[in-house]
Amino acid sequence: MNKENLIDILLELSSVAGVSGNETAALEAVRSYFDLYTDEVKLDRFGNLIALKKGEASAAEKITVALVAHVDEIGAMVTKIEPAGFLRFTPLGGLDPRVLPGQRVVVHGKKAIEGVIGATAPHHLSMQDREKSIPVEKLFIDTGYDADTLKTITGVGDTISFGQKPILLKNRKMITGKALDNRAGIAALIFCAAELAGLRHQADICFIASLQEEVGLRGAVTAAYGLKPNLAVAVDVTHGDTPGTDDKKTYKLGAGPALGVGPNFHPSLSFAMQQIAQEFNLSYQVEPIPAHSGTDAWAFQVSREGIPTALLSIPLRYMHTTVEMLCLEDLVTGSRLLARLAAKVTNSYLEELKKC
């Protein structure tokens, strides 16, 4: 696989809908790629997609490495159909009310219908109200349908995704769009699976597209418990360098993935990933995280009696908006780092990690 293939994958994955609790369409898109590069693809009881690429180790020396990225995206849910035909909604995940007015959306009812998030025009607001962020409860979705027609198509509880299409920038080096948190992580797993086709590896590699991370790491909790891998790496996004933000809390786009260090991660595994990056001349950054990382890494670390876990994050600007932006080279580098780690893991390698 080359970068152009990765671009096509990410454009598709960003476009498809997969709001927390309604990830079916996104999972179908993801599955079509893992079918190409792994030996077995299934859904577990919770609904997480698990793709297995078998290693060369004997049954007696079997090792399992879990590489996990969440497939869900932030969105909303219908709470009411107003008599005039407007839809009220509530967030699913960390929606920022500041960016909602004027957004195109898709309501996923009995059929998908398009709409826009409207709000009172500034002409009808006081000067004081114009300077305030509009709370979600005062926003509404306008589909153009009347209430009676809407009730035959959609209803309370239906999910709502954003309608923004991804685009390439800077001579195809950058991509911007919705749901790159965390379809970027999913794309990295797919690229890693393709890379492993050219590498020998002893460990069984389980690629996991986890559900409902944006509402509480739920899929990762069940996947970690069910698989009980020998070690795990979560792949997610972190805050990219942006004007007006603290540069000590952001990471430069184009400088490589960020590798987490801190109590949420196994110190030897985090250090090993840095060593692998240096060995293969792969650029990386170090991200100190002093507490709960807020990622699937937390769920894996504390599952059962504990699983050695690391975190690889892709720097991303404008997180939880419809114009999230990343550098494709960071994604390629992160994917190759994951593949090199997976190819190194043997029983003796695990024992060496324990000694550190």
Protein backbone atom coordinates (compact mmCIF):
# COMPACT_ATOMS: atom_id res chain seq x y z
CA MET A 1 0.00 0.00 0.00
CA ASN A 2 1.21 3.53 -0.78
CA LYS A 3 0.14 6.99 0.38
CA GLU A 4 -2.30 7.39 -2.51
CA ASN A 5 -4.13 4.25 -1.38
CA LEU A 6 -4.21 5.64 2.14
CA ILE A 7 -5.71 8.90 0.86
CA ASP A 8 -8.53 7.01 -0.86
CA ILE A 9 -9.22 5.00 2.29
CA LEU A 10 -9.30 8.06 4.54
CA LEU A 11 -11.54 10.01 2.14
CA GLU A 12 -14.03 7.15 2.21
CA LEU A 13 -13.88 6.59 5.95
CA SER A 14 -14.31 10.30 6.72
CA SER A 15 -17.36 10.49 4.44
CA VAL A 16 -19.27 7.57 5.91
CA ALA A 17 -21.52 8.06 8.95
CA GLY A 18 -20.83 6.29 12.24
CA VAL A 19 -22.17 8.22 15.23
CA SER A 20 -21.75 6.50 18.61
CA GLY A 21 -24.42 3.83 18.92
CA ASN A 22 -25.05 3.67 15.15
CA GLU A 23 -21.71 2.68 13.63
CA THR A 24 -23.00 0.05 11.17
CA ALA A 25 -22.20 1.89 7.93
CA ALA A 26 -18.72 2.79 9.14
CA LEU A 27 -18.04 -0.80 10.21
CA GLU A 28 -19.09 -2.10 6.78
CA ALA A 29 -16.63 0.26 5.08
CA VAL A 30 -13.85 -0.74 7.48
CA ARG A 31 -14.55 -4.44 7.08
CA SER A 32 -14.13 -4.29 3.31
CA TYR A 33 -10.48 -3.29 3.81
CA PHE A 34 -9.61 -5.69 6.60
CA ASP A 35 -11.04 -8.52 4.47
CA LEU A 36 -8.16 -7.82 2.06
CA TYR A 37 -5.31 -7.87 4.56
CA THR A 38 -6.24 -10.20 7.42
CA ASP A 39 -7.16 -13.86 7.84
CA GLU A 40 -10.42 -13.54 9.74
CA VAL A 41 -12.86 -10.71 10.44
CA LYS A 42 -15.72 -10.90 12.92
CA LEU A 43 -17.89 -8.83 15.23
CA ASP A 44 -17.79 -9.59 18.93
CA ARG A 45 -20.89 -9.66 21.12
CA PHE A 46 -20.76 -5.92 21.73
CA GLY A 47 -20.35 -5.20 18.01
CA ASN A 48 -16.65 -4.30 17.86
CA LEU A 49 -14.96 -5.37 14.63
CA ILE A 50 -11.99 -7.66 15.26
CA ALA A 51 -9.70 -8.60 12.36
CA LEU A 52 -7.10 -11.29 13.00
CA LYS A 53 -3.80 -11.63 11.14
CA LYS A 54 -2.27 -14.90 12.26
CA GLY A 55 1.36 -15.10 13.33
CA GLU A 56 3.91 -17.86 12.88
CA ALA A 57 4.22 -18.86 16.54
CA SER A 58 3.08 -22.34 17.51
CA ALA A 59 -0.08 -22.83 19.55
CA ALA A 60 2.06 -23.48 22.62
CA GLU A 61 3.83 -20.13 22.25
CA LYS A 62 0.87 -18.09 21.04
CA ILE A 63 1.07 -14.32 21.63
CA THR A 64 -1.64 -11.78 20.88
CA VAL A 65 -1.05 -8.11 20.13
CA ALA A 66 -4.10 -5.85 20.07
CA LEU A 67 -4.06 -2.69 17.95
CA VAL A 68 -7.21 -0.69 18.65
CA ALA A 69 -8.79 2.46 17.23
CA HIS A 70 -12.35 3.66 17.74
CA VAL A 71 -14.61 3.85 14.73
CA ASP A 72 -17.36 6.08 16.14
CA GLU A 73 -17.66 9.83 15.64
CA ILE A 74 -19.38 12.63 17.52
CA GLY A 75 -22.90 13.52 16.44
CA ALA A 76 -26.34 14.07 17.88
CA MET A 77 -29.71 12.45 18.54
CA VAL A 78 -33.25 13.64 17.81
CA THR A 79 -35.16 14.62 20.96
CA LYS A 80 -38.31 16.25 19.57
CA ILE A 81 -40.20 17.07 16.38
CA GLU A 82 -41.63 20.58 16.70
CA PRO A 83 -45.17 21.28 15.38
CA ALA A 84 -43.66 23.51 12.68
CA GLY A 85 -41.42 20.65 11.50
CA PHE A 86 -38.10 21.58 13.10
CA LEU A 87 -36.06 18.93 14.93
CA ARG A 88 -34.58 19.45 18.37
CA PHE A 89 -31.51 17.43 19.28
CA THR A 90 -29.00 16.55 21.98
CA PRO A 91 -25.27 15.83 21.60
CA LEU A 92 -23.76 12.36 21.30
CA GLY A 93 -20.16 12.93 22.35
CA GLY A 94 -18.35 16.20 22.86
CA LEU A 95 -20.11 18.58 20.48
CA ASP A 96 -18.94 22.20 20.61
CA PRO A 97 -22.02 24.49 20.38
CA ARG A 98 -19.88 27.28 18.89
CA VAL A 99 -19.43 25.46 15.59
CA LEU A 100 -22.94 24.06 15.14
CA PRO A 101 -25.02 26.85 13.52
CA GLY A 102 -25.00 26.57 9.75
CA GLN A 103 -23.72 22.98 9.62
CA ARG A 104 -25.09 20.48 7.14
CA VAL A 105 -26.37 17.29 8.79
CA VAL A 106 -27.87 13.92 7.92
CA VAL A 107 -30.69 12.51 10.04
CA HIS A 108 -30.64 8.70 10.06
CA GLY A 109 -34.27 7.66 10.36
CA LYS A 110 -36.17 5.14 8.24
CA LYS A 111 -34.25 6.77 5.44
CA ALA A 112 -31.40 9.28 5.54
CA ILE A 113 -32.57 12.88 5.14
CA GLU A 114 -30.41 15.97 4.82
CA GLY A 115 -30.87 19.15 6.78
CA VAL A 116 -29.10 22.13 8.27
CA ILE A 117 -28.65 23.37 11.83
CA GLY A 118 -30.38 26.71 12.03
CA ALA A 119 -30.62 29.37 14.70
CA THR A 120 -32.24 32.75 15.19
CA ALA A 121 -30.83 35.23 12.67
CA PRO A 122 -28.48 37.84 14.20
CA HIS A 123 -30.87 40.59 13.03
CA HIS A 124 -33.37 39.38 15.64
CA LEU A 125 -30.88 39.17 18.51
CA SER A 126 -29.81 41.84 20.97
CA MET A 127 -26.20 43.00 20.79
CA GLN A 128 -25.55 41.13 24.04
CA ASP A 129 -26.96 37.86 22.70
CA ARG A 130 -24.95 38.17 19.47
CA GLU A 131 -21.74 37.87 21.47
CA LYS A 132 -22.79 34.66 23.20
CA SER A 133 -22.43 31.07 22.05
CA ILE A 134 -25.87 29.65 21.29
CA PRO A 135 -26.68 26.73 23.62
CA VAL A 136 -27.62 23.45 21.96
CA GLU A 137 -31.15 23.51 23.38
CA LYS A 138 -31.85 26.69 21.36
CA LEU A 139 -30.62 25.22 18.08
CA PHE A 140 -32.76 23.21 15.67
CA ILE A 141 -32.49 21.20 12.47
CA ASP A 142 -34.41 22.29 9.40
CA THR A 143 -34.98 19.56 6.81
CA GLY A 144 -37.64 21.42 4.83
CA TYR A 145 -40.22 18.76 5.73
CA ASP A 146 -43.41 19.45 7.66
CA ALA A 147 -44.00 17.73 11.00
CA ASP A 148 -46.47 15.14 9.72
CA THR A 149 -44.10 13.98 6.99
CA LEU A 150 -41.14 13.97 9.36
CA LYS A 151 -42.96 11.67 11.77
CA THR A 152 -43.19 9.04 9.02
CA ILE A 153 -39.44 9.25 8.35
CA THR A 154 -37.72 9.93 11.65
CA GLY A 155 -38.38 10.02 15.36
CA VAL A 156 -36.97 10.59 18.82
CA GLY A 157 -33.71 8.66 19.29
CA ASP A 158 -32.58 8.67 15.66
CA THR A 159 -28.94 9.63 15.23
CA ILE A 160 -27.62 12.67 13.38
CA SER A 161 -24.26 12.89 11.61
CA PHE A 162 -22.54 15.83 9.97
CA GLY A 163 -22.66 16.22 6.19
CA GLN A 164 -19.21 17.72 5.63
CA LYS A 165 -17.18 16.05 2.87
CA PRO A 166 -13.39 15.68 3.30
CA ILE A 167 -11.01 17.56 1.04
CA LEU A 168 -7.26 17.44 0.37
CA LEU A 169 -5.05 20.48 0.92
CA LYS A 170 -1.43 21.50 0.31
CA ASN A 171 -0.77 19.38 -2.76
CA ARG A 172 -2.44 16.30 -1.24
CA LYS A 173 -0.29 16.41 1.90
CA MET A 174 -3.09 17.42 4.29
CA ILE A 175 -6.68 16.29 4.69
CA THR A 176 -9.56 18.05 6.40
CA GLY A 177 -13.04 16.78 7.16
CA LYS A 178 -15.31 15.30 9.77
CA ALA A 179 -14.68 12.17 11.84
CA LEU A 180 -10.91 12.12 11.38
CA ASP A 181 -11.16 11.53 15.12
CA ASN A 182 -10.82 8.64 14.82
CA ARG A 183 -11.13 7.32 11.26
CA ALA A 184 -7.48 8.36 11.04
CA GLY A 185 -6.70 5.71 13.64
CA ILE A 186 -8.71 3.14 11.70
CA ALA A 187 -6.85 4.05 8.49
CA ALA A 188 -3.56 3.60 10.36
CA LEU A 189 -4.59 0.07 11.36
CA ILE A 190 -5.51 -0.78 7.76
CA PHE A 191 -2.19 0.56 6.47
CA CYS A 192 -0.39 -1.39 9.21
CA ALA A 193 -2.17 -4.61 8.19
CA ALA A 194 -1.05 -4.05 4.60
CA GLU A 195 2.54 -3.39 5.75
CA LEU A 196 2.56 -6.64 7.72
CA ALA A 197 1.89 -8.55 4.51
CA GLY A 198 5.55 -7.96 3.70
CA LEU A 199 6.89 -8.71 7.19
CA ARG A 200 7.19 -11.94 9.16
CA HIS A 201 5.64 -11.86 12.62
CA GLN A 202 5.32 -14.41 15.38
CA ALA A 203 2.40 -12.83 17.22
CA ASP A 204 -1.24 -12.96 16.24
CA ILE A 205 -2.24 -9.38 15.48
CA CYS A 206 -5.80 -8.35 16.34
CA PHE A 207 -6.94 -5.12 14.71
CA ILE A 208 -9.92 -3.73 16.62
CA ALA A 209 -12.39 -1.09 15.43
CA SER A 210 -13.99 -0.28 18.77
CA LEU A 211 -17.44 1.20 19.30
CA GLN A 212 -18.75 4.05 21.45
CA GLU A 213 -15.44 5.54 22.54
CA GLU A 214 -16.85 9.05 22.34
CA VAL A 215 -19.46 8.23 24.99
CA GLY A 216 -17.29 6.28 27.43
CA LEU A 217 -14.71 3.82 25.93
CA ARG A 218 -17.42 1.15 25.96
CA GLY A 219 -16.27 -0.97 23.04
CA ALA A 220 -12.68 -1.01 24.25
CA VAL A 221 -13.80 -2.22 27.68
CA THR A 222 -15.54 -5.27 26.25
CA ALA A 223 -12.91 -5.99 23.57
CA ALA A 224 -10.05 -5.89 26.08
CA TYR A 225 -11.87 -8.22 28.44
CA GLY A 226 -12.78 -10.68 25.69
CA LEU A 227 -9.42 -10.81 23.89
CA LYS A 228 -7.05 -10.59 26.86
CA PRO A 229 -4.04 -9.77 24.65
CA ASN A 230 -0.43 -9.90 25.82
CA LEU A 231 -0.03 -6.23 24.97
CA ALA A 232 -2.01 -3.48 23.28
CA VAL A 233 -1.52 -0.20 21.47
CA ALA A 234 -4.36 2.30 21.15
CA VAL A 235 -4.28 4.56 18.09
CA ASP A 236 -6.08 7.88 18.36
CA VAL A 237 -5.57 11.59 17.71
CA THR A 238 -4.08 14.37 19.80
CA HIS A 239 -4.21 18.16 19.57
CA GLY A 240 -2.24 19.60 16.67
CA ASP A 241 -0.46 22.97 16.63
CA THR A 242 -3.02 25.74 16.24
CA PRO A 243 -2.82 29.55 16.54
CA GLY A 244 -3.81 30.73 20.00
CA THR A 245 -3.08 27.45 21.79
CA ASP A 246 -0.34 26.56 24.24
CA ASP A 247 2.49 24.96 22.23
CA LYS A 248 3.35 22.81 25.26
CA LYS A 249 -0.04 21.13 24.89
CA THR A 250 -0.07 20.65 21.12
CA TYR A 251 1.98 18.65 18.61
CA LYS A 252 3.33 19.73 15.26
CA LEU A 253 1.68 18.43 12.13
CA GLY A 254 4.28 16.75 9.92
CA ALA A 255 6.67 15.91 12.78
CA GLY A 256 5.41 12.37 13.25
CA PRO A 257 2.94 10.67 15.59
CA ALA A 258 2.92 11.44 19.31
CA LEU A 259 3.84 8.56 21.64
CA GLY A 260 2.20 8.77 25.05
CA VAL A 261 4.19 8.56 28.27
CA GLY A 262 2.69 8.56 31.76
CA PRO A 263 0.85 6.34 34.24
CA ASN A 264 -1.76 5.22 31.69
CA PHE A 265 0.97 3.43 29.72
CA HIS A 266 3.43 0.63 30.33
CA PRO A 267 6.78 2.48 30.57
CA SER A 268 8.83 -0.25 28.89
CA LEU A 269 6.41 -0.52 25.97
CA SER A 270 6.32 3.25 25.50
CA PHE A 271 10.13 3.35 25.51
CA ALA A 272 10.32 0.36 23.14
CA MET A 273 8.18 2.20 20.60
CA GLN A 274 10.55 5.16 20.74
CA GLN A 275 13.50 2.82 20.19
CA ILE A 276 11.81 1.22 17.18
CA ALA A 277 11.11 4.64 15.70
CA GLN A 278 14.79 5.55 16.07
CA GLU A 279 15.94 2.21 14.65
CA PHE A 280 13.88 2.64 11.48
CA ASN A 281 14.36 6.42 11.20
CA LEU A 282 10.69 7.16 11.78
CA SER A 283 9.91 10.63 13.13
CA TYR A 284 7.93 10.86 16.37
CA GLN A 285 7.03 13.21 19.20
CA VAL A 286 6.63 12.45 22.91
CA GLU A 287 3.33 13.33 24.61
CA PRO A 288 3.38 13.47 28.42
CA ILE A 289 -0.03 12.48 29.81
CA PRO A 290 -0.10 12.65 33.62
CA ALA A 291 -3.47 10.97 34.18
CA HIS A 292 -6.32 9.18 32.37
CA SER A 293 -5.63 9.62 28.64
CA GLY A 294 -9.30 9.66 27.68
CA THR A 295 -8.56 7.04 25.02
CA ASP A 296 -9.07 3.31 24.54
CA ALA A 297 -5.63 2.86 26.11
CA TRP A 298 -7.23 3.37 29.52
CA ALA A 299 -9.75 0.56 29.01
CA PHE A 300 -7.05 -1.89 27.92
CA GLN A 301 -4.59 -0.97 30.66
CA VAL A 302 -7.04 -1.72 33.49
CA SER A 303 -8.79 -4.75 31.95
CA ARG A 304 -8.70 -8.00 33.92
CA GLU A 305 -5.41 -8.08 35.87
CA GLY A 306 -3.92 -5.39 33.61
CA ILE A 307 -2.60 -5.35 30.03
CA PRO A 308 0.67 -3.61 29.03
CA THR A 309 -0.60 -0.76 26.87
CA ALA A 310 0.80 2.13 24.81
CA LEU A 311 -0.74 5.03 22.91
CA LEU A 312 0.14 6.35 19.46
CA SER A 313 -1.67 9.55 18.47
CA ILE A 314 -1.88 11.47 15.20
CA PRO A 315 -1.66 15.27 15.62
CA LEU A 316 -5.00 16.77 14.61
CA ARG A 317 -6.15 20.37 14.37
CA TYR A 318 -9.70 21.53 15.17
CA MET A 319 -10.72 18.40 17.09
CA HIS A 320 -14.47 17.73 17.39
CA THR A 321 -15.36 20.02 14.49
CA THR A 322 -16.31 19.18 10.91
CA VAL A 323 -12.97 20.48 9.59
CA GLU A 324 -10.50 18.37 11.56
CA MET A 325 -7.11 18.45 9.83
CA LEU A 326 -4.06 16.19 9.79
CA CYS A 327 -0.87 15.59 7.85
CA LEU A 328 -0.95 12.36 5.88
CA GLU A 329 2.76 11.74 6.42
CA ASP A 330 2.16 11.46 10.18
CA LEU A 331 -0.38 8.74 9.47
CA VAL A 332 1.99 6.80 7.21
CA THR A 333 4.81 7.05 9.75
CA GLY A 334 2.57 5.94 12.61
CA SER A 335 1.31 2.96 10.62
CA ARG A 336 4.84 1.81 9.82
CA LEU A 337 5.85 2.14 13.44
CA LEU A 338 2.93 -0.06 14.49
CA ALA A 339 3.88 -2.68 11.90
CA ARG A 340 7.53 -2.75 13.04
CA LEU A 341 6.45 -3.17 16.65
CA ALA A 342 4.04 -5.99 15.76
CA ALA A 343 6.81 -7.78 13.82
CA LYS A 344 9.17 -7.61 16.82
CA VAL A 345 6.88 -9.12 19.45
CA THR A 346 7.91 -12.62 20.52
CA ASN A 347 7.82 -14.36 23.89
CA SER A 348 11.44 -13.41 24.52
CA TYR A 349 10.67 -9.79 23.57
CA LEU A 350 7.83 -9.76 26.10
CA GLU A 351 10.18 -11.08 28.77
CA GLU A 352 12.67 -8.32 28.00
CA LEU A 353 9.92 -5.71 28.37
CA LYS A 354 9.11 -7.11 31.82
CA LYS A 355 12.72 -6.60 32.95
CA CYS A 356 12.77 -2.89 32.08
